[in-house]
PDB file of all heavy atoms in Angstrom:
ATOM      1  N   PRO A   1      91.480 104.125 104.954  1.00  0.00           N
ATOM      2  CA  PRO A   1      92.212 103.206 104.173  1.00  0.00           C
ATOM      3  C   PRO A   1      93.515 103.672 103.723  1.00  0.00           C
ATOM      4  O   PRO A   1      93.631 104.740 103.130  1.00  0.00           O
ATOM      5  CB  PRO A   1      91.263 102.912 103.027  1.00  0.00           C
ATOM      6  CG  PRO A   1      89.866 103.255 103.566  1.00  0.00           C
ATOM      7  CD  PRO A   1      90.135 104.487 104.423  1.00  0.00           C
ATOM      8  N   SER A   2      94.502 102.843 103.954  1.00  0.00           N
ATOM      9  CA  SER A   2      95.972 103.143 103.489  1.00  0.00           C
ATOM     10  C   SER A   2      96.188 102.322 102.110  1.00  0.00           C
ATOM     11  O   SER A   2      95.737 101.111 102.106  1.00  0.00           O
ATOM     12  CB  SER A   2      96.948 102.795 104.491  1.00  0.00           C
ATOM     13  OG  SER A   2      98.289 102.854 104.011  1.00  0.00           O
ATOM     14  N   PRO A   3      96.871 102.849 101.160  1.00  0.00           N
ATOM     15  CA  PRO A   3      97.205 102.121 100.064  1.00  0.00           C
ATOM     16  C   PRO A   3      98.429 101.161 100.213  1.00  0.00           C
ATOM     17  O   PRO A   3      98.827 100.410  99.359  1.00  0.00           O
ATOM     18  CB  PRO A   3      97.617 103.194  98.972  1.00  0.00           C
ATOM     19  CG  PRO A   3      98.094 104.271  99.815  1.00  0.00           C
ATOM     20  CD  PRO A   3      97.291 104.220 101.106  1.00  0.00           C
ATOM     21  N   ASN A   4      99.037 101.281 101.376  1.00  0.00           N
ATOM     22  CA  ASN A   4     100.256 100.592 101.713  1.00  0.00           C
ATOM     23  C   ASN A   4     100.014  99.177 102.302  1.00  0.00           C
ATOM     24  O   ASN A   4     100.070  99.105 103.584  1.00  0.00           O
ATOM     25  CB  ASN A   4     101.139 101.411 102.624  1.00  0.00           C
ATOM     26  CG  ASN A   4     101.503 102.737 101.995  1.00  0.00           C
ATOM     27  OD1 ASN A   4     101.520 102.967 100.760  1.00  0.00           O
ATOM     28  ND2 ASN A   4     101.702 103.743 102.845  1.00  0.00           N
ATOM     29  N   PHE A   5      99.788  98.201 101.398  1.00  0.00           N
ATOM     30  CA  PHE A   5      99.598  96.898 101.961  1.00  0.00           C
ATOM     31  C   PHE A   5      99.832  95.926 100.719  1.00  0.00           C
ATOM     32  O   PHE A   5     100.002  96.422  99.631  1.00  0.00           O
ATOM     33  CB  PHE A   5      98.161  96.722 102.549  1.00  0.00           C
ATOM     34  CG  PHE A   5      97.080  96.801 101.469  1.00  0.00           C
ATOM     35  CD1 PHE A   5      96.580  95.611 100.788  1.00  0.00           C
ATOM     36  CD2 PHE A   5      96.472  97.926 101.092  1.00  0.00           C
ATOM     37  CE1 PHE A   5      95.608  95.716  99.933  1.00  0.00           C
ATOM     38  CE2 PHE A   5      95.531  98.095 100.181  1.00  0.00           C
ATOM     39  CZ  PHE A   5      95.080  96.977  99.565  1.00  0.00           C
ATOM     40  N   GLY A   6      99.767  94.678 101.077  1.00  0.00           N
ATOM     41  CA  GLY A   6      99.873  93.630 100.055  1.00  0.00           C
ATOM     42  C   GLY A   6      99.210  92.267 100.489  1.00  0.00           C
ATOM     43  O   GLY A   6      98.415  92.349 101.530  1.00  0.00           O
ATOM     44  N   ASP A   7      99.458  91.203  99.709  1.00  0.00           N
ATOM     45  CA  ASP A   7      98.958  89.928 100.203  1.00  0.00           C
ATOM     46  C   ASP A   7      99.813  89.180 101.232  1.00  0.00           C
ATOM     47  O   ASP A   7     100.970  89.270 101.171  1.00  0.00           O
ATOM     48  CB  ASP A   7      98.890  88.998  98.937  1.00  0.00           C
ATOM     49  CG  ASP A   7      97.943  89.594  97.802  1.00  0.00           C
ATOM     50  OD1 ASP A   7      97.002  90.190  98.273  1.00  0.00           O
ATOM     51  OD2 ASP A   7      98.237  89.324  96.696  1.00  0.00           O
ATOM     52  N   ARG A   8      99.117  88.665 102.123  1.00  0.00           N
ATOM     53  CA  ARG A   8      99.810  87.865 103.259  1.00  0.00           C
ATOM     54  C   ARG A   8     100.411  86.563 102.472  1.00  0.00           C
ATOM     55  O   ARG A   8      99.951  86.117 101.501  1.00  0.00           O
ATOM     56  CB  ARG A   8      98.947  87.492 104.311  1.00  0.00           C
ATOM     57  CG  ARG A   8      98.468  88.558 105.179  1.00  0.00           C
ATOM     58  CD  ARG A   8      97.805  88.064 106.341  1.00  0.00           C
ATOM     59  NE  ARG A   8      97.369  89.260 107.265  1.00  0.00           N
ATOM     60  CZ  ARG A   8      98.075  89.793 108.147  1.00  0.00           C
ATOM     61  NH1 ARG A   8      99.340  89.511 108.411  1.00  0.00           N
ATOM     62  NH2 ARG A   8      97.467  90.770 108.906  1.00  0.00           N
ATOM     63  N   ARG A   9     101.510  86.190 103.157  1.00  0.00           N
ATOM     64  CA  ARG A   9     102.243  85.035 102.540  1.00  0.00           C
ATOM     65  C   ARG A   9     102.412  83.971 103.685  1.00  0.00           C
ATOM     66  O   ARG A   9     102.742  84.328 104.801  1.00  0.00           O
ATOM     67  CB  ARG A   9     103.691  85.363 102.136  1.00  0.00           C
ATOM     68  CG  ARG A   9     103.719  86.672 101.157  1.00  0.00           C
ATOM     69  CD  ARG A   9     105.114  87.303 101.243  1.00  0.00           C
ATOM     70  NE  ARG A   9     105.120  88.479 100.451  1.00  0.00           N
ATOM     71  CZ  ARG A   9     106.088  89.351 100.588  1.00  0.00           C
ATOM     72  NH1 ARG A   9     107.120  89.234 101.339  1.00  0.00           N
ATOM     73  NH2 ARG A   9     106.136  90.569  99.790  1.00  0.00           N
ATOM     74  N   GLY A  10     102.089  82.788 103.329  1.00  0.00           N
ATOM     75  CA  GLY A  10     102.342  81.687 104.285  1.00  0.00           C
ATOM     76  C   GLY A  10     101.104  81.419 105.192  1.00  0.00           C
ATOM     77  O   GLY A  10     100.007  81.587 104.698  1.00  0.00           O
ATOM     78  N   ARG A  11     101.394  81.052 106.397  1.00  0.00           N
ATOM     79  CA  ARG A  11     100.393  80.554 107.292  1.00  0.00           C
ATOM     80  C   ARG A  11      99.529  81.733 107.814  1.00  0.00           C
ATOM     81  O   ARG A  11      99.731  82.897 107.593  1.00  0.00           O
ATOM     82  CB  ARG A  11     101.006  79.888 108.512  1.00  0.00           C
ATOM     83  CG  ARG A  11     101.755  80.733 109.433  1.00  0.00           C
ATOM     84  CD  ARG A  11     102.360  79.963 110.668  1.00  0.00           C
ATOM     85  NE  ARG A  11     102.978  80.839 111.662  1.00  0.00           N
ATOM     86  CZ  ARG A  11     104.207  81.269 111.584  1.00  0.00           C
ATOM     87  NH1 ARG A  11     104.937  80.848 110.583  1.00  0.00           N
ATOM     88  NH2 ARG A  11     104.731  81.991 112.516  1.00  0.00           N
ATOM     89  N   ALA A  12      98.481  81.455 108.608  1.00  0.00           N
ATOM     90  CA  ALA A  12      97.543  82.389 109.119  1.00  0.00           C
ATOM     91  C   ALA A  12      98.233  83.327 110.254  1.00  0.00           C
ATOM     92  O   ALA A  12      99.271  82.978 110.714  1.00  0.00           O
ATOM     93  CB  ALA A  12      96.290  81.585 109.807  1.00  0.00           C
ATOM     94  N   VAL A  13      97.584  84.393 110.409  1.00  0.00           N
ATOM     95  CA  VAL A  13      98.027  85.378 111.418  1.00  0.00           C
ATOM     96  C   VAL A  13      98.084  84.642 112.829  1.00  0.00           C
ATOM     97  O   VAL A  13      97.124  83.990 113.283  1.00  0.00           O
ATOM     98  CB  VAL A  13      97.068  86.553 111.512  1.00  0.00           C
ATOM     99  CG1 VAL A  13      97.430  87.450 112.640  1.00  0.00           C
ATOM    100  CG2 VAL A  13      97.172  87.314 110.216  1.00  0.00           C
ATOM    101  N   ASP A  14      99.244  84.797 113.512  1.00  0.00           N
ATOM    102  CA  ASP A  14      99.428  84.294 114.819  1.00  0.00           C
ATOM    103  C   ASP A  14     100.223  85.148 115.746  1.00  0.00           C
ATOM    104  O   ASP A  14     100.740  84.803 116.773  1.00  0.00           O
ATOM    105  CB  ASP A  14      99.971  82.895 114.781  1.00  0.00           C
ATOM    106  CG  ASP A  14     101.468  82.828 114.295  1.00  0.00           C
ATOM    107  OD1 ASP A  14     101.944  83.990 114.032  1.00  0.00           O
ATOM    108  OD2 ASP A  14     102.004  81.812 114.277  1.00  0.00           O
ATOM    109  N   ALA A  15     100.367  86.450 115.421  1.00  0.00           N
ATOM    110  CA  ALA A  15     101.115  87.401 116.174  1.00  0.00           C
ATOM    111  C   ALA A  15     100.517  88.740 116.225  1.00  0.00           C
ATOM    112  O   ALA A  15      99.794  89.127 115.283  1.00  0.00           O
ATOM    113  CB  ALA A  15     102.555  87.506 115.729  1.00  0.00           C
ATOM    114  N   LEU A  16     100.800  89.508 117.250  1.00  0.00           N
ATOM    115  CA  LEU A  16     100.296  91.007 117.285  1.00  0.00           C
ATOM    116  C   LEU A  16     101.582  91.717 117.642  1.00  0.00           C
ATOM    117  O   LEU A  16     102.227  91.483 118.618  1.00  0.00           O
ATOM    118  CB  LEU A  16      99.309  91.141 118.414  1.00  0.00           C
ATOM    119  CG  LEU A  16      98.743  92.532 118.666  1.00  0.00           C
ATOM    120  CD1 LEU A  16      98.022  93.121 117.577  1.00  0.00           C
ATOM    121  CD2 LEU A  16      97.882  92.499 119.927  1.00  0.00           C
ATOM    122  N   VAL A  17     101.802  92.845 116.956  1.00  0.00           N
ATOM    123  CA  VAL A  17     102.993  93.740 117.140  1.00  0.00           C
ATOM    124  C   VAL A  17     102.578  95.140 117.435  1.00  0.00           C
ATOM    125  O   VAL A  17     101.789  95.674 116.712  1.00  0.00           O
ATOM    126  CB  VAL A  17     103.903  93.708 115.970  1.00  0.00           C
ATOM    127  CG1 VAL A  17     105.121  94.571 116.199  1.00  0.00           C
ATOM    128  CG2 VAL A  17     104.353  92.300 115.583  1.00  0.00           C
ATOM    129  N   LEU A  18     103.040  95.641 118.609  1.00  0.00           N
ATOM    130  CA  LEU A  18     102.769  97.043 119.055  1.00  0.00           C
ATOM    131  C   LEU A  18     103.931  98.037 118.707  1.00  0.00           C
ATOM    132  O   LEU A  18     105.098  97.644 118.884  1.00  0.00           O
ATOM    133  CB  LEU A  18     102.475  97.121 120.595  1.00  0.00           C
ATOM    134  CG  LEU A  18     101.328  96.241 121.003  1.00  0.00           C
ATOM    135  CD1 LEU A  18     101.112  96.360 122.441  1.00  0.00           C
ATOM    136  CD2 LEU A  18     100.108  96.302 120.304  1.00  0.00           C
ATOM    137  N   HIS A  19     103.583  99.266 118.238  1.00  0.00           N
ATOM    138  CA  HIS A  19     104.490 100.234 117.861  1.00  0.00           C
ATOM    139  C   HIS A  19     104.071 101.514 118.451  1.00  0.00           C
ATOM    140  O   HIS A  19     102.878 101.830 118.829  1.00  0.00           O
ATOM    141  CB  HIS A  19     104.460 100.423 116.360  1.00  0.00           C
ATOM    142  CG  HIS A  19     104.593  99.187 115.520  1.00  0.00           C
ATOM    143  ND1 HIS A  19     105.763  98.860 114.891  1.00  0.00           N
ATOM    144  CD2 HIS A  19     103.718  98.207 115.193  1.00  0.00           C
ATOM    145  CE1 HIS A  19     105.621  97.767 114.269  1.00  0.00           C
ATOM    146  NE2 HIS A  19     104.290  97.357 114.328  1.00  0.00           N
ATOM    147  N   TYR A  20     104.998 102.494 118.630  1.00  0.00           N
ATOM    148  CA  TYR A  20     104.630 103.882 118.729  1.00  0.00           C
ATOM    149  C   TYR A  20     104.995 104.570 117.406  1.00  0.00           C
ATOM    150  O   TYR A  20     105.755 104.112 116.587  1.00  0.00           O
ATOM    151  CB  TYR A  20     105.241 104.609 119.826  1.00  0.00           C
ATOM    152  CG  TYR A  20     106.737 104.784 119.828  1.00  0.00           C
ATOM    153  CD1 TYR A  20     107.516 105.096 118.794  1.00  0.00           C
ATOM    154  CD2 TYR A  20     107.523 104.556 121.082  1.00  0.00           C
ATOM    155  CE1 TYR A  20     108.939 105.248 118.827  1.00  0.00           C
ATOM    156  CE2 TYR A  20     108.914 104.713 121.153  1.00  0.00           C
ATOM    157  CZ  TYR A  20     109.648 104.986 119.959  1.00  0.00           C
ATOM    158  OH  TYR A  20     111.006 105.138 120.105  1.00  0.00           O
ATOM    159  N   THR A  21     104.295 105.678 117.089  1.00  0.00           N
ATOM    160  CA  THR A  21     104.394 106.370 115.791  1.00  0.00           C
ATOM    161  C   THR A  21     105.763 107.109 115.768  1.00  0.00           C
ATOM    162  O   THR A  21     106.390 107.279 114.694  1.00  0.00           O
ATOM    163  CB  THR A  21     103.302 107.400 115.569  1.00  0.00           C
ATOM    164  OG1 THR A  21     103.230 108.216 116.715  1.00  0.00           O
ATOM    165  CG2 THR A  21     101.914 106.694 115.365  1.00  0.00           C
ATOM    166  N   GLY A  22     106.218 107.683 116.890  1.00  0.00           N
ATOM    167  CA  GLY A  22     107.472 108.318 116.867  1.00  0.00           C
ATOM    168  C   GLY A  22     107.584 109.602 116.054  1.00  0.00           C
ATOM    169  O   GLY A  22     108.660 110.004 115.586  1.00  0.00           O
ATOM    170  N   MET A  23     106.371 110.265 116.023  1.00  0.00           N
ATOM    171  CA  MET A  23     106.379 111.484 115.269  1.00  0.00           C
ATOM    172  C   MET A  23     105.793 112.688 116.179  1.00  0.00           C
ATOM    173  O   MET A  23     105.205 112.328 117.238  1.00  0.00           O
ATOM    174  CB  MET A  23     105.636 111.432 114.006  1.00  0.00           C
ATOM    175  CG  MET A  23     106.285 110.422 113.052  1.00  0.00           C
ATOM    176  SD  MET A  23     105.427 110.213 111.416  1.00  0.00           S
ATOM    177  CE  MET A  23     105.739 111.770 110.696  1.00  0.00           C
ATOM    178  N   ALA A  24     105.910 113.902 115.699  1.00  0.00           N
ATOM    179  CA  ALA A  24     105.615 114.984 116.659  1.00  0.00           C
ATOM    180  C   ALA A  24     104.020 115.046 116.900  1.00  0.00           C
ATOM    181  O   ALA A  24     103.611 115.591 117.872  1.00  0.00           O
ATOM    182  CB  ALA A  24     106.069 116.280 115.946  1.00  0.00           C
ATOM    183  N   SER A  25     103.257 114.543 115.922  1.00  0.00           N
ATOM    184  CA  SER A  25     101.788 114.558 116.169  1.00  0.00           C
ATOM    185  C   SER A  25     101.150 113.362 115.490  1.00  0.00           C
ATOM    186  O   SER A  25     101.710 112.767 114.595  1.00  0.00           O
ATOM    187  CB  SER A  25     101.122 115.824 115.478  1.00  0.00           C
ATOM    188  OG  SER A  25     101.198 115.786 114.135  1.00  0.00           O
ATOM    189  N   GLY A  26      99.912 113.116 115.930  1.00  0.00           N
ATOM    190  CA  GLY A  26      99.176 111.991 115.387  1.00  0.00           C
ATOM    191  C   GLY A  26      98.788 112.319 113.895  1.00  0.00           C
ATOM    192  O   GLY A  26      98.816 111.395 113.116  1.00  0.00           O
TER     193      GLY A  26
END
């Protein structure tokens, strides 16, 4: 669990976004 989150705003979830971490290690 991460403490870094908040409440969603507006309509329901309708997208998925992919990222790389961009750091030396996981």
